Amino acid sequence: MHGDPPPDMVGGVLSLWKSLSVTAAFVGAMIGGLVMEHTGSRSATVGALIWCGLPGAIMWIAIQHTNTPRPERL
């Protein structure tokens, strides 16, 4: 085991990831809107939303699980 980082550093990294994931989802929505405006196709919009928003959503969910203590279950 290497030395654990100080808790305030961990909190800073987590809040940075949280804001990055929110930004990624927002940018994905904007790109999706622009693509739909220019192409008029809904599938291209869904594709842009999935590719940009999904990583952000996954990061956000992972952060929520690491932040909240889980109840002990078998």
PDB file of N, CA and C in Angstrom:
ATOM      1  N   MET A   1       0.836  -1.182   0.000  1.00  0.00           N
ATOM      2  CA  MET A   1       0.000   0.000   0.000  1.00  0.00           C
ATOM      3  C   MET A   1       0.881   1.245   0.000  1.00  0.00           C
ATOM      4  N   HIS A   2       0.571   2.133  -0.919  1.00  0.00           N
ATOM      5  CA  HIS A   2       1.257   3.420  -0.939  1.00  0.00           C
ATOM      6  C   HIS A   2       0.516   4.352   0.011  1.00  0.00           C
ATOM      7  N   GLY A   3       1.110   5.488   0.288  1.00  0.00           N
ATOM      8  CA  GLY A   3       0.461   6.443   1.187  1.00  0.00           C
ATOM      9  C   GLY A   3      -0.855   6.933   0.603  1.00  0.00           C
ATOM     10  N   ASP A   4      -1.875   7.002   1.441  1.00  0.00           N
ATOM     11  CA  ASP A   4      -3.163   7.507   0.974  1.00  0.00           C
ATOM     12  C   ASP A   4      -3.076   9.012   0.773  1.00  0.00           C
ATOM     13  N   PRO A   5      -3.701   9.529  -0.305  1.00  0.00           N
ATOM     14  CA  PRO A   5      -3.717  10.988  -0.486  1.00  0.00           C
ATOM     15  C   PRO A   5      -4.570  11.640   0.593  1.00  0.00           C
ATOM     16  N   PRO A   6      -4.290  12.892   0.928  1.00  0.00           N
ATOM     17  CA  PRO A   6      -5.111  13.574   1.945  1.00  0.00           C
ATOM     18  C   PRO A   6      -6.563  13.677   1.489  1.00  0.00           C
ATOM     19  N   PRO A   7      -7.528  13.596   2.420  1.00  0.00           N
ATOM     20  CA  PRO A   7      -8.946  13.591   2.050  1.00  0.00           C
ATOM     21  C   PRO A   7      -9.372  14.833   1.284  1.00  0.00           C
ATOM     22  N   ASP A   8      -8.792  15.999   1.607  1.00  0.00           N
ATOM     23  CA  ASP A   8      -9.208  17.210   0.890  1.00  0.00           C
ATOM     24  C   ASP A   8      -8.783  17.133  -0.575  1.00  0.00           C
ATOM     25  N   MET A   9      -7.659  16.474  -0.860  1.00  0.00           N
ATOM     26  CA  MET A   9      -7.234  16.308  -2.243  1.00  0.00           C
ATOM     27  C   MET A   9      -8.200  15.389  -2.990  1.00  0.00           C
ATOM     28  N   VAL A  10      -8.631  14.317  -2.327  1.00  0.00           N
ATOM     29  CA  VAL A  10      -9.592  13.399  -2.943  1.00  0.00           C
ATOM     30  C   VAL A  10     -10.892  14.141  -3.240  1.00  0.00           C
ATOM     31  N   GLY A  11     -11.354  14.936  -2.273  1.00  0.00           N
ATOM     32  CA  GLY A  11     -12.582  15.701  -2.484  1.00  0.00           C
ATOM     33  C   GLY A  11     -12.445  16.671  -3.646  1.00  0.00           C
ATOM     34  N   GLY A  12     -11.276  17.299  -3.775  1.00  0.00           N
ATOM     35  CA  GLY A  12     -11.056  18.223  -4.891  1.00  0.00           C
ATOM     36  C   GLY A  12     -11.099  17.507  -6.229  1.00  0.00           C
ATOM     37  N   VAL A  13     -10.471  16.328  -6.287  1.00  0.00           N
ATOM     38  CA  VAL A  13     -10.478  15.564  -7.539  1.00  0.00           C
ATOM     39  C   VAL A  13     -11.899  15.127  -7.877  1.00  0.00           C
ATOM     40  N   LEU A  14     -12.650  14.674  -6.863  1.00  0.00           N
ATOM     41  CA  LEU A  14     -14.021  14.235  -7.110  1.00  0.00           C
ATOM     42  C   LEU A  14     -14.889  15.385  -7.595  1.00  0.00           C
ATOM     43  N   SER A  15     -14.737  16.565  -6.986  1.00  0.00           N
ATOM     44  CA  SER A  15     -15.559  17.693  -7.428  1.00  0.00           C
ATOM     45  C   SER A  15     -15.150  18.127  -8.835  1.00  0.00           C
ATOM     46  N   LEU A  16     -13.854  18.003  -9.153  1.00  0.00           N
ATOM     47  CA  LEU A  16     -13.411  18.313 -10.507  1.00  0.00           C
ATOM     48  C   LEU A  16     -14.045  17.349 -11.508  1.00  0.00           C
ATOM     49  N   TRP A  17     -14.014  16.041 -11.199  1.00  0.00           N
ATOM     50  CA  TRP A  17     -14.639  15.050 -12.086  1.00  0.00           C
ATOM     51  C   TRP A  17     -16.123  15.323 -12.222  1.00  0.00           C
ATOM     52  N   LYS A  18     -16.773  15.704 -11.106  1.00  0.00           N
ATOM     53  CA  LYS A  18     -18.209  15.953 -11.142  1.00  0.00           C
ATOM     54  C   LYS A  18     -18.516  17.102 -12.099  1.00  0.00           C
ATOM     55  N   SER A  19     -17.755  18.201 -11.981  1.00  0.00           N
ATOM     56  CA  SER A  19     -18.020  19.339 -12.861  1.00  0.00           C
ATOM     57  C   SER A  19     -17.679  18.987 -14.307  1.00  0.00           C
ATOM     58  N   LEU A  20     -16.633  18.187 -14.517  1.00  0.00           N
ATOM     59  CA  LEU A  20     -16.289  17.774 -15.880  1.00  0.00           C
ATOM     60  C   LEU A  20     -17.384  16.917 -16.488  1.00  0.00           C
ATOM     61  N   SER A  21     -17.962  16.015 -15.699  1.00  0.00           N
ATOM     62  CA  SER A  21     -19.001  15.145 -16.243  1.00  0.00           C
ATOM     63  C   SER A  21     -20.249  15.951 -16.594  1.00  0.00           C
ATOM     64  N   VAL A  22     -20.586  16.922 -15.737  1.00  0.00           N
ATOM     65  CA  VAL A  22     -21.736  17.784 -16.036  1.00  0.00           C
ATOM     66  C   VAL A  22     -21.466  18.573 -17.317  1.00  0.00           C
ATOM     67  N   THR A  23     -20.236  19.090 -17.459  1.00  0.00           N
ATOM     68  CA  THR A  23     -19.868  19.844 -18.657  1.00  0.00           C
ATOM     69  C   THR A  23     -19.951  18.963 -19.887  1.00  0.00           C
ATOM     70  N   ALA A  24     -19.468  17.721 -19.788  1.00  0.00           N
ATOM     71  CA  ALA A  24     -19.505  16.809 -20.929  1.00  0.00           C
ATOM     72  C   ALA A  24     -20.943  16.535 -21.358  1.00  0.00           C
ATOM     73  N   ALA A  25     -21.832  16.325 -20.397  1.00  0.00           N
ATOM     74  CA  ALA A  25     -23.229  16.073 -20.731  1.00  0.00           C
ATOM     75  C   ALA A  25     -23.854  17.307 -21.385  1.00  0.00           C
ATOM     76  N   PHE A  26     -23.536  18.486 -20.865  1.00  0.00           N
ATOM     77  CA  PHE A  26     -24.088  19.725 -21.408  1.00  0.00           C
ATOM     78  C   PHE A  26     -23.599  19.954 -22.837  1.00  0.00           C
ATOM     79  N   VAL A  27     -22.280  19.747 -23.047  1.00  0.00           N
ATOM     80  CA  VAL A  27     -21.714  19.915 -24.389  1.00  0.00           C
ATOM     81  C   VAL A  27     -22.340  18.900 -25.352  1.00  0.00           C
ATOM     82  N   GLY A  28     -22.553  17.675 -24.863  1.00  0.00           N
ATOM     83  CA  GLY A  28     -23.194  16.661 -25.692  1.00  0.00           C
ATOM     84  C   GLY A  28     -24.583  17.087 -26.128  1.00  0.00           C
ATOM     85  N   ALA A  29     -25.333  17.675 -25.192  1.00  0.00           N
ATOM     86  CA  ALA A  29     -26.678  18.141 -25.534  1.00  0.00           C
ATOM     87  C   ALA A  29     -26.617  19.271 -26.559  1.00  0.00           C
ATOM     88  N   MET A  30     -25.666  20.183 -26.390  1.00  0.00           N
ATOM     89  CA  MET A  30     -25.525  21.288 -27.347  1.00  0.00           C
ATOM     90  C   MET A  30     -25.161  20.765 -28.725  1.00  0.00           C
ATOM     91  N   ILE A  31     -24.185  19.826 -28.768  1.00  0.00           N
ATOM     92  CA  ILE A  31     -23.776  19.257 -30.058  1.00  0.00           C
ATOM     93  C   ILE A  31     -24.956  18.541 -30.700  1.00  0.00           C
ATOM     94  N   GLY A  32     -25.699  17.797 -29.877  1.00  0.00           N
ATOM     95  CA  GLY A  32     -26.865  17.097 -30.405  1.00  0.00           C
ATOM     96  C   GLY A  32     -27.875  18.061 -31.010  1.00  0.00           C
ATOM     97  N   GLY A  33     -28.119  19.178 -30.313  1.00  0.00           N
ATOM     98  CA  GLY A  33     -29.055  20.171 -30.840  1.00  0.00           C
ATOM     99  C   GLY A  33     -28.575  20.764 -32.154  1.00  0.00           C
ATOM    100  N   LEU A  34     -27.273  21.072 -32.240  1.00  0.00           N
ATOM    101  CA  LEU A  34     -26.724  21.640 -33.469  1.00  0.00           C
ATOM    102  C   LEU A  34     -26.807  20.642 -34.616  1.00  0.00           C
ATOM    103  N   VAL A  35     -26.465  19.378 -34.325  1.00  0.00           N
ATOM    104  CA  VAL A  35     -26.510  18.352 -35.375  1.00  0.00           C
ATOM    105  C   VAL A  35     -27.936  18.206 -35.895  1.00  0.00           C
ATOM    106  N   MET A  36     -28.910  18.191 -34.990  1.00  0.00           N
ATOM    107  CA  MET A  36     -30.302  18.025 -35.408  1.00  0.00           C
ATOM    108  C   MET A  36     -30.757  19.226 -36.221  1.00  0.00           C
ATOM    109  N   GLU A  37     -30.302  20.420 -35.822  1.00  0.00           N
ATOM    110  CA  GLU A  37     -30.685  21.618 -36.557  1.00  0.00           C
ATOM    111  C   GLU A  37     -30.162  21.563 -37.988  1.00  0.00           C
ATOM    112  N   HIS A  38     -28.900  21.114 -38.144  1.00  0.00           N
ATOM    113  CA  HIS A  38     -28.286  21.142 -39.468  1.00  0.00           C
ATOM    114  C   HIS A  38     -28.717  19.974 -40.339  1.00  0.00           C
ATOM    115  N   THR A  39     -28.884  18.793 -39.744  1.00  0.00           N
ATOM    116  CA  THR A  39     -29.186  17.616 -40.552  1.00  0.00           C
ATOM    117  C   THR A  39     -30.666  17.300 -40.556  1.00  0.00           C
ATOM    118  N   GLY A  40     -31.374  17.686 -39.503  1.00  0.00           N
ATOM    119  CA  GLY A  40     -32.781  17.358 -39.397  1.00  0.00           C
ATOM    120  C   GLY A  40     -33.002  15.887 -39.087  1.00  0.00           C
ATOM    121  N   SER A  41     -31.934  15.147 -38.787  1.00  0.00           N
ATOM    122  CA  SER A  41     -32.111  13.730 -38.493  1.00  0.00           C
ATOM    123  C   SER A  41     -31.997  13.496 -37.001  1.00  0.00           C
ATOM    124  N   ARG A  42     -32.921  12.707 -36.505  1.00  0.00           N
ATOM    125  CA  ARG A  42     -32.957  12.470 -35.074  1.00  0.00           C
ATOM    126  C   ARG A  42     -31.902  11.450 -34.661  1.00  0.00           C
ATOM    127  N   SER A  43     -31.579  10.499 -35.517  1.00  0.00           N
ATOM    128  CA  SER A  43     -30.614   9.459 -35.146  1.00  0.00           C
ATOM    129  C   SER A  43     -29.225  10.059 -34.942  1.00  0.00           C
ATOM    130  N   ALA A  44     -28.852  11.055 -35.755  1.00  0.00           N
ATOM    131  CA  ALA A  44     -27.555  11.716 -35.581  1.00  0.00           C
ATOM    132  C   ALA A  44     -27.517  12.428 -34.235  1.00  0.00           C
ATOM    133  N   THR A  45     -28.641  13.029 -33.852  1.00  0.00           N
ATOM    134  CA  THR A  45     -28.714  13.720 -32.569  1.00  0.00           C
ATOM    135  C   THR A  45     -28.545  12.742 -31.424  1.00  0.00           C
ATOM    136  N   VAL A  46     -29.257  11.614 -31.515  1.00  0.00           N
ATOM    137  CA  VAL A  46     -29.158  10.599 -30.464  1.00  0.00           C
ATOM    138  C   VAL A  46     -27.726  10.087 -30.380  1.00  0.00           C
ATOM    139  N   GLY A  47     -27.097   9.893 -31.535  1.00  0.00           N
ATOM    140  CA  GLY A  47     -25.707   9.436 -31.546  1.00  0.00           C
ATOM    141  C   GLY A  47     -24.786  10.422 -30.850  1.00  0.00           C
ATOM    142  N   ALA A  48     -24.951  11.711 -31.163  1.00  0.00           N
ATOM    143  CA  ALA A  48     -24.105  12.732 -30.528  1.00  0.00           C
ATOM    144  C   ALA A  48     -24.353  12.777 -29.024  1.00  0.00           C
ATOM    145  N   LEU A  49     -25.625  12.684 -28.624  1.00  0.00           N
ATOM    146  CA  LEU A  49     -25.944  12.715 -27.196  1.00  0.00           C
ATOM    147  C   LEU A  49     -25.332  11.517 -26.477  1.00  0.00           C
ATOM    148  N   ILE A  50     -25.422  10.338 -27.104  1.00  0.00           N
ATOM    149  CA  ILE A  50     -24.894   9.130 -26.464  1.00  0.00           C
ATOM    150  C   ILE A  50     -23.385   9.232 -26.338  1.00  0.00           C
ATOM    151  N   TRP A  51     -22.702   9.605 -27.427  1.00  0.00           N
ATOM    152  CA  TRP A  51     -21.236   9.622 -27.388  1.00  0.00           C
ATOM    153  C   TRP A  51     -20.695  10.666 -26.433  1.00  0.00           C
ATOM    154  N   CYS A  52     -21.383  11.807 -26.311  1.00  0.00           N
ATOM    155  CA  CYS A  52     -20.872  12.862 -25.434  1.00  0.00           C
ATOM    156  C   CYS A  52     -21.436  12.757 -24.029  1.00  0.00           C
ATOM    157  N   GLY A  53     -22.684  12.377 -23.902  1.00  0.00           N
ATOM    158  CA  GLY A  53     -23.330  12.376 -22.596  1.00  0.00           C
ATOM    159  C   GLY A  53     -23.072  11.129 -21.785  1.00  0.00           C
ATOM    160  N   LEU A  54     -22.886   9.996 -22.453  1.00  0.00           N
ATOM    161  CA  LEU A  54     -22.745   8.736 -21.728  1.00  0.00           C
ATOM    162  C   LEU A  54     -21.508   8.702 -20.841  1.00  0.00           C
ATOM    163  N   PRO A  55     -20.330   9.099 -21.332  1.00  0.00           N
ATOM    164  CA  PRO A  55     -19.168   9.100 -20.422  1.00  0.00           C
ATOM    165  C   PRO A  55     -19.391   9.996 -19.208  1.00  0.00           C
ATOM    166  N   GLY A  56     -20.014  11.142 -19.426  1.00  0.00           N
ATOM    167  CA  GLY A  56     -20.306  12.040 -18.308  1.00  0.00           C
ATOM    168  C   GLY A  56     -21.256  11.402 -17.315  1.00  0.00           C
ATOM    169  N   ALA A  57     -22.279  10.732 -17.835  1.00  0.00           N
ATOM    170  CA  ALA A  57     -23.242  10.081 -16.942  1.00  0.00           C
ATOM    171  C   ALA A  57     -22.585   8.953 -16.162  1.00  0.00           C
ATOM    172  N   ILE A  58     -21.737   8.176 -16.820  1.00  0.00           N
ATOM    173  CA  ILE A  58     -21.058   7.066 -16.148  1.00  0.00           C
ATOM    174  C   ILE A  58     -20.150   7.603 -15.047  1.00  0.00           C
ATOM    175  N   MET A  59     -19.400   8.679 -15.354  1.00  0.00           N
ATOM    176  CA  MET A  59     -18.521   9.267 -14.339  1.00  0.00           C
ATOM    177  C   MET A  59     -19.344   9.770 -13.162  1.00  0.00           C
ATOM    178  N   TRP A  60     -20.485  10.439 -13.478  1.00  0.00           N
ATOM    179  CA  TRP A  60     -21.311  11.005 -12.422  1.00  0.00           C
ATOM    180  C   TRP A  60     -21.846   9.898 -11.514  1.00  0.00           C
ATOM    181  N   ILE A  61     -22.329   8.794 -12.115  1.00  0.00           N
ATOM    182  CA  ILE A  61     -22.855   7.679 -11.329  1.00  0.00           C
ATOM    183  C   ILE A  61     -21.751   7.074 -10.472  1.00  0.00           C
ATOM    184  N   ALA A  62     -20.560   6.899 -11.064  1.00  0.00           N
ATOM    185  CA  ALA A  62     -19.443   6.325 -10.308  1.00  0.00           C
ATOM    186  C   ALA A  62     -19.089   7.221  -9.118  1.00  0.00           C
ATOM    187  N   ILE A  63     -19.117   8.539  -9.325  1.00  0.00           N
ATOM    188  CA  ILE A  63     -18.788   9.470  -8.246  1.00  0.00           C
ATOM    189  C   ILE A  63     -19.852   9.401  -7.153  1.00  0.00           C
ATOM    190  N   GLN A  64     -21.119   9.306  -7.550  1.00  0.00           N
ATOM    191  CA  GLN A  64     -22.177   9.204  -6.547  1.00  0.00           C
ATOM    192  C   GLN A  64     -21.976   7.971  -5.680  1.00  0.00           C
ATOM    193  N   HIS A  65     -21.545   6.871  -6.294  1.00  0.00           N
ATOM    194  CA  HIS A  65     -21.366   5.637  -5.530  1.00  0.00           C
ATOM    195  C   HIS A  65     -20.145   5.720  -4.628  1.00  0.00           C
ATOM    196  N   THR A  66     -19.100   6.429  -5.063  1.00  0.00           N
ATOM    197  CA  THR A  66     -17.917   6.528  -4.205  1.00  0.00           C
ATOM    198  C   THR A  66     -18.148   7.522  -3.073  1.00  0.00           C
ATOM    199  N   ASN A  67     -18.985   8.539  -3.299  1.00  0.00           N
ATOM    200  CA  ASN A  67     -19.217   9.557  -2.273  1.00  0.00           C
ATOM    201  C   ASN A  67     -20.112   9.053  -1.151  1.00  0.00           C
ATOM    202  N   THR A  68     -21.148   8.285  -1.497  1.00  0.00           N
ATOM    203  CA  THR A  68     -22.123   7.897  -0.483  1.00  0.00           C
ATOM    204  C   THR A  68     -21.734   6.555   0.111  1.00  0.00           C
ATOM    205  N   PRO A  69     -21.714   6.432   1.415  1.00  0.00           N
ATOM    206  CA  PRO A  69     -21.439   5.131   2.032  1.00  0.00           C
ATOM    207  C   PRO A  69     -22.604   4.183   1.782  1.00  0.00           C
ATOM    208  N   ARG A  70     -22.282   2.987   1.370  1.00  0.00           N
ATOM    209  CA  ARG A  70     -23.337   2.027   1.053  1.00  0.00           C
ATOM    210  C   ARG A  70     -23.770   1.292   2.313  1.00  0.00           C
ATOM    211  N   PRO A  71     -25.071   1.015   2.440  1.00  0.00           N
ATOM    212  CA  PRO A  71     -25.509   0.168   3.552  1.00  0.00           C
ATOM    213  C   PRO A  71     -24.965  -1.247   3.357  1.00  0.00           C
ATOM    214  N   GLU A  72     -24.568  -1.876   4.437  1.00  0.00           N
ATOM    215  CA  GLU A  72     -23.979  -3.211   4.330  1.00  0.00           C
ATOM    216  C   GLU A  72     -25.084  -4.226   4.084  1.00  0.00           C
ATOM    217  N   ARG A  73     -24.945  -4.918   2.942  1.00  0.00           N
ATOM    218  CA  ARG A  73     -25.934  -5.946   2.608  1.00  0.00           C
ATOM    219  C   ARG A  73     -25.199  -7.201   2.190  1.00  0.00           C
ATOM    220  N   LEU A  74     -25.827  -8.341   2.405  1.00  0.00           N
ATOM    221  CA  LEU A  74     -25.226  -9.606   1.986  1.00  0.00           C
ATOM    222  C   LEU A  74     -25.807 -10.030   0.656  1.00  0.00           C
TER     223      LEU A  74
END
